[in-house]
């Protein structure tokens, strides 16, 4: 698993879902996140985390649901943004 994916999973598990909620999440890189693991507030928190963690700034074109629908798609978005820097 790529580093971005690991960090996204860690963030969702600890900061959004909370460790106290029981068993670890069982998900794959293509598991849908929106509406299952992430609601709109969680998505905003994840975007803020990614901006802080990787020194990125997402523009309006980046902020589309399909870019944040799975761990794989989040990794791809972050990778694209990092290459452009």
PDB file of N, CA and C in Angstrom:
ATOM      1  N   UNK A   1       0.851  -1.189   0.000  1.00  0.00           N
ATOM      2  CA  UNK A   1       0.000   0.000   0.000  1.00  0.00           C
ATOM      3  C   UNK A   1       0.888   1.241   0.000  1.00  0.00           C
ATOM      4  N   UNK A   2       0.498   2.202  -0.765  1.00  0.00           N
ATOM      5  CA  UNK A   2       1.244   3.452  -0.827  1.00  0.00           C
ATOM      6  C   UNK A   2       1.112   4.221   0.486  1.00  0.00           C
ATOM      7  N   UNK A   3       2.057   5.108   0.693  1.00  0.00           N
ATOM      8  CA  UNK A   3       2.064   5.929   1.912  1.00  0.00           C
ATOM      9  C   UNK A   3       0.812   6.791   2.034  1.00  0.00           C
ATOM     10  N   UNK A   4       0.370   7.400   0.947  1.00  0.00           N
ATOM     11  CA  UNK A   4      -0.832   8.247   1.006  1.00  0.00           C
ATOM     12  C   UNK A   4      -2.030   7.415   1.466  1.00  0.00           C
ATOM     13  N   UNK A   5      -2.194   6.249   0.888  1.00  0.00           N
ATOM     14  CA  UNK A   5      -3.305   5.383   1.270  1.00  0.00           C
ATOM     15  C   UNK A   5      -3.249   4.987   2.733  1.00  0.00           C
ATOM     16  N   UNK A   6      -2.057   4.678   3.212  1.00  0.00           N
ATOM     17  CA  UNK A   6      -1.894   4.317   4.624  1.00  0.00           C
ATOM     18  C   UNK A   6      -2.282   5.478   5.528  1.00  0.00           C
ATOM     19  N   UNK A   7      -1.843   6.681   5.164  1.00  0.00           N
ATOM     20  CA  UNK A   7      -2.162   7.860   5.978  1.00  0.00           C
ATOM     21  C   UNK A   7      -3.657   8.178   5.944  1.00  0.00           C
ATOM     22  N   UNK A   8      -4.286   8.021   4.773  1.00  0.00           N
ATOM     23  CA  UNK A   8      -5.736   8.256   4.666  1.00  0.00           C
ATOM     24  C   UNK A   8      -6.475   7.272   5.561  1.00  0.00           C
ATOM     25  N   UNK A   9      -6.126   6.014   5.481  1.00  0.00           N
ATOM     26  CA  UNK A   9      -6.787   4.999   6.314  1.00  0.00           C
ATOM     27  C   UNK A   9      -6.604   5.298   7.798  1.00  0.00           C
ATOM     28  N   UNK A  10      -5.370   5.636   8.171  1.00  0.00           N
ATOM     29  CA  UNK A  10      -5.086   5.954   9.569  1.00  0.00           C
ATOM     30  C   UNK A  10      -5.910   7.151  10.033  1.00  0.00           C
ATOM     31  N   UNK A  11      -5.985   8.178   9.210  1.00  0.00           N
ATOM     32  CA  UNK A  11      -6.745   9.371   9.574  1.00  0.00           C
ATOM     33  C   UNK A  11      -8.227   9.043   9.749  1.00  0.00           C
ATOM     34  N   UNK A  12      -8.806   8.325   8.808  1.00  0.00           N
ATOM     35  CA  UNK A  12     -10.227   7.980   8.890  1.00  0.00           C
ATOM     36  C   UNK A  12     -10.495   7.129  10.122  1.00  0.00           C
ATOM     37  N   UNK A  13      -9.636   6.158  10.377  1.00  0.00           N
ATOM     38  CA  UNK A  13      -9.847   5.267  11.518  1.00  0.00           C
ATOM     39  C   UNK A  13      -9.724   5.979  12.854  1.00  0.00           C
ATOM     40  N   UNK A  14      -8.773   6.881  12.988  1.00  0.00           N
ATOM     41  CA  UNK A  14      -8.529   7.501  14.293  1.00  0.00           C
ATOM     42  C   UNK A  14      -9.235   8.830  14.488  1.00  0.00           C
ATOM     43  N   UNK A  15      -9.252   9.674  13.463  1.00  0.00           N
ATOM     44  CA  UNK A  15      -9.790  11.017  13.636  1.00  0.00           C
ATOM     45  C   UNK A  15     -11.273  11.134  13.297  1.00  0.00           C
ATOM     46  N   UNK A  16     -11.731  10.372  12.331  1.00  0.00           N
ATOM     47  CA  UNK A  16     -13.121  10.498  11.912  1.00  0.00           C
ATOM     48  C   UNK A  16     -13.978   9.418  12.554  1.00  0.00           C
ATOM     49  N   UNK A  17     -13.568   8.196  12.416  1.00  0.00           N
ATOM     50  CA  UNK A  17     -14.352   7.089  12.960  1.00  0.00           C
ATOM     51  C   UNK A  17     -14.116   6.941  14.453  1.00  0.00           C
ATOM     52  N   UNK A  18     -12.896   7.128  14.892  1.00  0.00           N
ATOM     53  CA  UNK A  18     -12.552   7.006  16.302  1.00  0.00           C
ATOM     54  C   UNK A  18     -12.223   5.567  16.656  1.00  0.00           C
ATOM     55  N   UNK A  19     -11.102   5.373  17.306  1.00  0.00           N
ATOM     56  CA  UNK A  19     -10.663   4.025  17.664  1.00  0.00           C
ATOM     57  C   UNK A  19     -11.629   3.333  18.606  1.00  0.00           C
ATOM     58  N   UNK A  20     -12.388   4.089  19.363  1.00  0.00           N
ATOM     59  CA  UNK A  20     -13.262   3.503  20.374  1.00  0.00           C
ATOM     60  C   UNK A  20     -14.493   2.818  19.792  1.00  0.00           C
ATOM     61  N   UNK A  21     -14.688   2.915  18.478  1.00  0.00           N
ATOM     62  CA  UNK A  21     -15.889   2.341  17.883  1.00  0.00           C
ATOM     63  C   UNK A  21     -15.791   0.851  17.604  1.00  0.00           C
ATOM     64  N   UNK A  22     -14.752   0.198  18.064  1.00  0.00           N
ATOM     65  CA  UNK A  22     -14.702  -1.251  17.916  1.00  0.00           C
ATOM     66  C   UNK A  22     -13.648  -1.731  16.952  1.00  0.00           C
ATOM     67  N   UNK A  23     -14.008  -2.757  16.201  1.00  0.00           N
ATOM     68  CA  UNK A  23     -13.079  -3.438  15.304  1.00  0.00           C
ATOM     69  C   UNK A  23     -12.514  -2.493  14.259  1.00  0.00           C
ATOM     70  N   UNK A  24     -11.287  -2.780  13.826  1.00  0.00           N
ATOM     71  CA  UNK A  24     -10.718  -1.980  12.749  1.00  0.00           C
ATOM     72  C   UNK A  24     -11.566  -2.090  11.483  1.00  0.00           C
ATOM     73  N   UNK A  25     -11.497  -1.070  10.664  1.00  0.00           N
ATOM     74  CA  UNK A  25     -12.244  -1.074   9.407  1.00  0.00           C
ATOM     75  C   UNK A  25     -11.697  -2.151   8.482  1.00  0.00           C
ATOM     76  N   UNK A  26     -12.589  -2.769   7.745  1.00  0.00           N
ATOM     77  CA  UNK A  26     -12.180  -3.754   6.750  1.00  0.00           C
ATOM     78  C   UNK A  26     -12.492  -3.159   5.389  1.00  0.00           C
ATOM     79  N   UNK A  27     -11.455  -2.703   4.726  1.00  0.00           N
ATOM     80  CA  UNK A  27     -11.648  -2.045   3.450  1.00  0.00           C
ATOM     81  C   UNK A  27     -10.472  -2.300   2.535  1.00  0.00           C
ATOM     82  N   UNK A  28     -10.748  -2.146   1.275  1.00  0.00           N
ATOM     83  CA  UNK A  28      -9.747  -2.294   0.223  1.00  0.00           C
ATOM     84  C   UNK A  28      -9.527  -0.919  -0.406  1.00  0.00           C
ATOM     85  N   UNK A  29      -8.573  -0.831  -1.311  1.00  0.00           N
ATOM     86  CA  UNK A  29      -8.303   0.443  -1.972  1.00  0.00           C
ATOM     87  C   UNK A  29      -9.488   0.937  -2.794  1.00  0.00           C
ATOM     88  N   UNK A  30     -10.362   0.032  -3.208  1.00  0.00           N
ATOM     89  CA  UNK A  30     -11.522   0.409  -4.022  1.00  0.00           C
ATOM     90  C   UNK A  30     -12.845   0.411  -3.234  1.00  0.00           C
ATOM     91  N   UNK A  31     -12.781   0.254  -1.923  1.00  0.00           N
ATOM     92  CA  UNK A  31     -13.984   0.317  -1.095  1.00  0.00           C
ATOM     93  C   UNK A  31     -14.555   1.728  -1.131  1.00  0.00           C
ATOM     94  N   UNK A  32     -15.845   1.894  -1.436  1.00  0.00           N
ATOM     95  CA  UNK A  32     -16.442   3.239  -1.438  1.00  0.00           C
ATOM     96  C   UNK A  32     -16.354   3.883  -0.046  1.00  0.00           C
ATOM     97  N   UNK A  33     -15.869   5.096   0.002  1.00  0.00           N
ATOM     98  CA  UNK A  33     -15.722   5.816   1.266  1.00  0.00           C
ATOM     99  C   UNK A  33     -16.892   6.751   1.544  1.00  0.00           C
ATOM    100  N   UNK A  34     -17.361   7.428   0.512  1.00  0.00           N
ATOM    101  CA  UNK A  34     -18.401   8.440   0.707  1.00  0.00           C
ATOM    102  C   UNK A  34     -19.732   7.773   1.020  1.00  0.00           C
ATOM    103  N   UNK A  35     -20.339   8.229   2.096  1.00  0.00           N
ATOM    104  CA  UNK A  35     -21.623   7.690   2.508  1.00  0.00           C
ATOM    105  C   UNK A  35     -21.510   6.456   3.374  1.00  0.00           C
ATOM    106  N   UNK A  36     -20.327   5.854   3.429  1.00  0.00           N
ATOM    107  CA  UNK A  36     -20.152   4.691   4.298  1.00  0.00           C
ATOM    108  C   UNK A  36     -19.172   5.017   5.425  1.00  0.00           C
ATOM    109  N   UNK A  37     -17.965   5.402   5.072  1.00  0.00           N
ATOM    110  CA  UNK A  37     -16.979   5.767   6.081  1.00  0.00           C
ATOM    111  C   UNK A  37     -16.858   7.276   6.256  1.00  0.00           C
ATOM    112  N   UNK A  38     -17.232   8.029   5.227  1.00  0.00           N
ATOM    113  CA  UNK A  38     -17.105   9.489   5.270  1.00  0.00           C
ATOM    114  C   UNK A  38     -18.430  10.169   4.971  1.00  0.00           C
ATOM    115  N   UNK A  39     -18.854  11.079   5.846  1.00  0.00           N
ATOM    116  CA  UNK A  39     -19.976  11.959   5.532  1.00  0.00           C
ATOM    117  C   UNK A  39     -19.371  13.296   5.077  1.00  0.00           C
ATOM    118  N   UNK A  40     -20.199  14.290   4.869  1.00  0.00           N
ATOM    119  CA  UNK A  40     -19.691  15.559   4.339  1.00  0.00           C
ATOM    120  C   UNK A  40     -18.707  16.238   5.295  1.00  0.00           C
ATOM    121  N   UNK A  41     -18.961  16.176   6.585  1.00  0.00           N
ATOM    122  CA  UNK A  41     -18.031  16.766   7.553  1.00  0.00           C
ATOM    123  C   UNK A  41     -16.717  15.995   7.563  1.00  0.00           C
ATOM    124  N   UNK A  42     -16.799  14.685   7.533  1.00  0.00           N
ATOM    125  CA  UNK A  42     -15.596  13.859   7.494  1.00  0.00           C
ATOM    126  C   UNK A  42     -14.772  14.131   6.253  1.00  0.00           C
ATOM    127  N   UNK A  43     -15.441  14.347   5.134  1.00  0.00           N
ATOM    128  CA  UNK A  43     -14.738  14.663   3.896  1.00  0.00           C
ATOM    129  C   UNK A  43     -14.003  15.993   4.021  1.00  0.00           C
ATOM    130  N   UNK A  44     -14.649  16.987   4.615  1.00  0.00           N
ATOM    131  CA  UNK A  44     -13.989  18.282   4.822  1.00  0.00           C
ATOM    132  C   UNK A  44     -12.769  18.124   5.725  1.00  0.00           C
ATOM    133  N   UNK A  45     -12.886  17.303   6.757  1.00  0.00           N
ATOM    134  CA  UNK A  45     -11.756  17.056   7.654  1.00  0.00           C
ATOM    135  C   UNK A  45     -10.622  16.348   6.919  1.00  0.00           C
ATOM    136  N   UNK A  46     -10.970  15.390   6.068  1.00  0.00           N
ATOM    137  CA  UNK A  46      -9.961  14.676   5.298  1.00  0.00           C
ATOM    138  C   UNK A  46      -9.247  15.619   4.335  1.00  0.00           C
ATOM    139  N   UNK A  47      -9.981  16.480   3.666  1.00  0.00           N
ATOM    140  CA  UNK A  47      -9.372  17.448   2.743  1.00  0.00           C
ATOM    141  C   UNK A  47      -8.415  18.367   3.497  1.00  0.00           C
ATOM    142  N   UNK A  48      -8.836  18.862   4.654  1.00  0.00           N
ATOM    143  CA  UNK A  48      -7.963  19.711   5.472  1.00  0.00           C
ATOM    144  C   UNK A  48      -6.706  18.952   5.884  1.00  0.00           C
ATOM    145  N   UNK A  49      -6.871  17.699   6.297  1.00  0.00           N
ATOM    146  CA  UNK A  49      -5.731  16.868   6.673  1.00  0.00           C
ATOM    147  C   UNK A  49      -4.755  16.714   5.514  1.00  0.00           C
ATOM    148  N   UNK A  50      -5.261  16.396   4.327  1.00  0.00           N
ATOM    149  CA  UNK A  50      -4.394  16.210   3.159  1.00  0.00           C
ATOM    150  C   UNK A  50      -3.653  17.500   2.803  1.00  0.00           C
ATOM    151  N   UNK A  51      -4.340  18.626   2.892  1.00  0.00           N
ATOM    152  CA  UNK A  51      -3.685  19.908   2.610  1.00  0.00           C
ATOM    153  C   UNK A  51      -2.559  20.177   3.602  1.00  0.00           C
ATOM    154  N   UNK A  52      -2.820  19.909   4.871  1.00  0.00           N
ATOM    155  CA  UNK A  52      -1.810  20.131   5.913  1.00  0.00           C
ATOM    156  C   UNK A  52      -0.659  19.120   5.797  1.00  0.00           C
ATOM    157  N   UNK A  53      -1.000  17.867   5.636  1.00  0.00           N
ATOM    158  CA  UNK A  53      -0.013  16.780   5.623  1.00  0.00           C
ATOM    159  C   UNK A  53       0.951  16.873   4.443  1.00  0.00           C
ATOM    160  N   UNK A  54       0.425  17.245   3.283  1.00  0.00           N
ATOM    161  CA  UNK A  54       1.228  17.229   2.065  1.00  0.00           C
ATOM    162  C   UNK A  54       1.487  18.621   1.494  1.00  0.00           C
ATOM    163  N   UNK A  55       1.062  19.666   2.198  1.00  0.00           N
ATOM    164  CA  UNK A  55       1.308  21.025   1.735  1.00  0.00           C
ATOM    165  C   UNK A  55       0.603  21.339   0.424  1.00  0.00           C
ATOM    166  N   UNK A  56      -0.599  20.816   0.265  1.00  0.00           N
ATOM    167  CA  UNK A  56      -1.363  20.986  -0.972  1.00  0.00           C
ATOM    168  C   UNK A  56      -2.436  22.044  -0.810  1.00  0.00           C
ATOM    169  N   UNK A  57      -2.924  22.511  -1.935  1.00  0.00           N
ATOM    170  CA  UNK A  57      -4.100  23.375  -1.955  1.00  0.00           C
ATOM    171  C   UNK A  57      -5.008  22.853  -3.060  1.00  0.00           C
ATOM    172  N   UNK A  58      -6.187  22.396  -2.674  1.00  0.00           N
ATOM    173  CA  UNK A  58      -7.139  21.868  -3.641  1.00  0.00           C
ATOM    174  C   UNK A  58      -7.967  23.005  -4.213  1.00  0.00           C
ATOM    175  N   UNK A  59      -8.122  23.017  -5.526  1.00  0.00           N
ATOM    176  CA  UNK A  59      -8.979  24.022  -6.152  1.00  0.00           C
ATOM    177  C   UNK A  59     -10.352  23.408  -6.423  1.00  0.00           C
ATOM    178  N   UNK A  60     -11.266  24.201  -6.955  1.00  0.00           N
ATOM    179  CA  UNK A  60     -12.641  23.745  -7.163  1.00  0.00           C
ATOM    180  C   UNK A  60     -12.725  22.507  -8.046  1.00  0.00           C
ATOM    181  N   UNK A  61     -11.866  22.415  -9.055  1.00  0.00           N
ATOM    182  CA  UNK A  61     -11.888  21.243  -9.934  1.00  0.00           C
ATOM    183  C   UNK A  61     -11.479  19.976  -9.203  1.00  0.00           C
ATOM    184  N   UNK A  62     -10.650  20.103  -8.181  1.00  0.00           N
ATOM    185  CA  UNK A  62     -10.225  18.944  -7.397  1.00  0.00           C
ATOM    186  C   UNK A  62     -11.328  18.441  -6.471  1.00  0.00           C
ATOM    187  N   UNK A  63     -12.188  19.350  -6.048  1.00  0.00           N
ATOM    188  CA  UNK A  63     -13.180  19.031  -5.021  1.00  0.00           C
ATOM    189  C   UNK A  63     -14.448  18.418  -5.629  1.00  0.00           C
ATOM    190  N   UNK A  64     -14.245  17.294  -6.294  1.00  0.00           N
ATOM    191  CA  UNK A  64     -15.353  16.547  -6.885  1.00  0.00           C
ATOM    192  C   UNK A  64     -15.435  15.206  -6.187  1.00  0.00           C
ATOM    193  N   UNK A  65     -16.637  14.746  -5.961  1.00  0.00           N
ATOM    194  CA  UNK A  65     -16.851  13.521  -5.196  1.00  0.00           C
ATOM    195  C   UNK A  65     -16.058  12.342  -5.738  1.00  0.00           C
ATOM    196  N   UNK A  66     -15.956  12.230  -7.062  1.00  0.00           N
ATOM    197  CA  UNK A  66     -15.260  11.066  -7.615  1.00  0.00           C
ATOM    198  C   UNK A  66     -13.781  11.028  -7.235  1.00  0.00           C
ATOM    199  N   UNK A  67     -13.180  12.173  -6.929  1.00  0.00           N
ATOM    200  CA  UNK A  67     -11.778  12.194  -6.518  1.00  0.00           C
ATOM    201  C   UNK A  67     -11.568  11.657  -5.106  1.00  0.00           C
ATOM    202  N   UNK A  68     -12.631  11.621  -4.320  1.00  0.00           N
ATOM    203  CA  UNK A  68     -12.532  11.189  -2.924  1.00  0.00           C
ATOM    204  C   UNK A  68     -13.369   9.939  -2.641  1.00  0.00           C
ATOM    205  N   UNK A  69     -13.758   9.256  -3.690  1.00  0.00           N
ATOM    206  CA  UNK A  69     -14.672   8.120  -3.523  1.00  0.00           C
ATOM    207  C   UNK A  69     -14.005   6.861  -2.993  1.00  0.00           C
ATOM    208  N   UNK A  70     -12.701   6.684  -3.247  1.00  0.00           N
ATOM    209  CA  UNK A  70     -11.966   5.516  -2.755  1.00  0.00           C
ATOM    210  C   UNK A  70     -10.555   5.939  -2.361  1.00  0.00           C
ATOM    211  N   UNK A  71      -9.886   5.075  -1.631  1.00  0.00           N
ATOM    212  CA  UNK A  71      -8.498   5.355  -1.262  1.00  0.00           C
ATOM    213  C   UNK A  71      -7.639   5.485  -2.518  1.00  0.00           C
ATOM    214  N   UNK A  72      -7.851   4.628  -3.501  1.00  0.00           N
ATOM    215  CA  UNK A  72      -7.069   4.684  -4.744  1.00  0.00           C
ATOM    216  C   UNK A  72      -7.223   6.020  -5.452  1.00  0.00           C
ATOM    217  N   UNK A  73      -8.426   6.528  -5.484  1.00  0.00           N
ATOM    218  CA  UNK A  73      -8.658   7.809  -6.163  1.00  0.00           C
ATOM    219  C   UNK A  73      -8.061   8.977  -5.384  1.00  0.00           C
ATOM    220  N   UNK A  74      -8.090   8.895  -4.065  1.00  0.00           N
ATOM    221  CA  UNK A  74      -7.452   9.933  -3.246  1.00  0.00           C
ATOM    222  C   UNK A  74      -5.948   9.911  -3.485  1.00  0.00           C
ATOM    223  N   UNK A  75      -5.358   8.716  -3.511  1.00  0.00           N
ATOM    224  CA  UNK A  75      -3.926   8.595  -3.796  1.00  0.00           C
ATOM    225  C   UNK A  75      -3.582   9.218  -5.149  1.00  0.00           C
ATOM    226  N   UNK A  76      -4.390   8.923  -6.155  1.00  0.00           N
ATOM    227  CA  UNK A  76      -4.137   9.453  -7.501  1.00  0.00           C
ATOM    228  C   UNK A  76      -4.202  10.978  -7.508  1.00  0.00           C
ATOM    229  N   UNK A  77      -5.190  11.547  -6.824  1.00  0.00           N
ATOM    230  CA  UNK A  77      -5.320  13.003  -6.754  1.00  0.00           C
ATOM    231  C   UNK A  77      -4.114  13.627  -6.059  1.00  0.00           C
ATOM    232  N   UNK A  78      -3.743  13.084  -4.910  1.00  0.00           N
ATOM    233  CA  UNK A  78      -2.604  13.626  -4.171  1.00  0.00           C
ATOM    234  C   UNK A  78      -1.329  13.491  -5.005  1.00  0.00           C
ATOM    235  N   UNK A  79      -1.135  12.345  -5.647  1.00  0.00           N
ATOM    236  CA  UNK A  79       0.047  12.158  -6.500  1.00  0.00           C
ATOM    237  C   UNK A  79       0.097  13.208  -7.610  1.00  0.00           C
ATOM    238  N   UNK A  80      -1.039  13.454  -8.278  1.00  0.00           N
ATOM    239  CA  UNK A  80      -1.081  14.470  -9.333  1.00  0.00           C
ATOM    240  C   UNK A  80      -0.721  15.844  -8.792  1.00  0.00           C
ATOM    241  N   UNK A  81      -1.271  16.179  -7.630  1.00  0.00           N
ATOM    242  CA  UNK A  81      -0.999  17.490  -7.043  1.00  0.00           C
ATOM    243  C   UNK A  81       0.484  17.627  -6.652  1.00  0.00           C
ATOM    244  N   UNK A  82       1.073  16.566  -6.136  1.00  0.00           N
ATOM    245  CA  UNK A  82       2.461  16.611  -5.723  1.00  0.00           C
ATOM    246  C   UNK A  82       3.395  16.753  -6.917  1.00  0.00           C
ATOM    247  N   UNK A  83       3.066  16.120  -8.024  1.00  0.00           N
ATOM    248  CA  UNK A  83       3.882  16.217  -9.233  1.00  0.00           C
ATOM    249  C   UNK A  83       3.855  17.635  -9.789  1.00  0.00           C
ATOM    250  N   UNK A  84       2.735  18.322  -9.657  1.00  0.00           N
ATOM    251  CA  UNK A  84       2.577  19.682 -10.189  1.00  0.00           C
ATOM    252  C   UNK A  84       3.334  20.727  -9.377  1.00  0.00           C
ATOM    253  N   UNK A  85       3.727  20.401  -8.172  1.00  0.00           N
ATOM    254  CA  UNK A  85       4.414  21.400  -7.322  1.00  0.00           C
ATOM    255  C   UNK A  85       5.767  21.719  -7.819  1.00  0.00           C
TER     256      UNK A  85
END
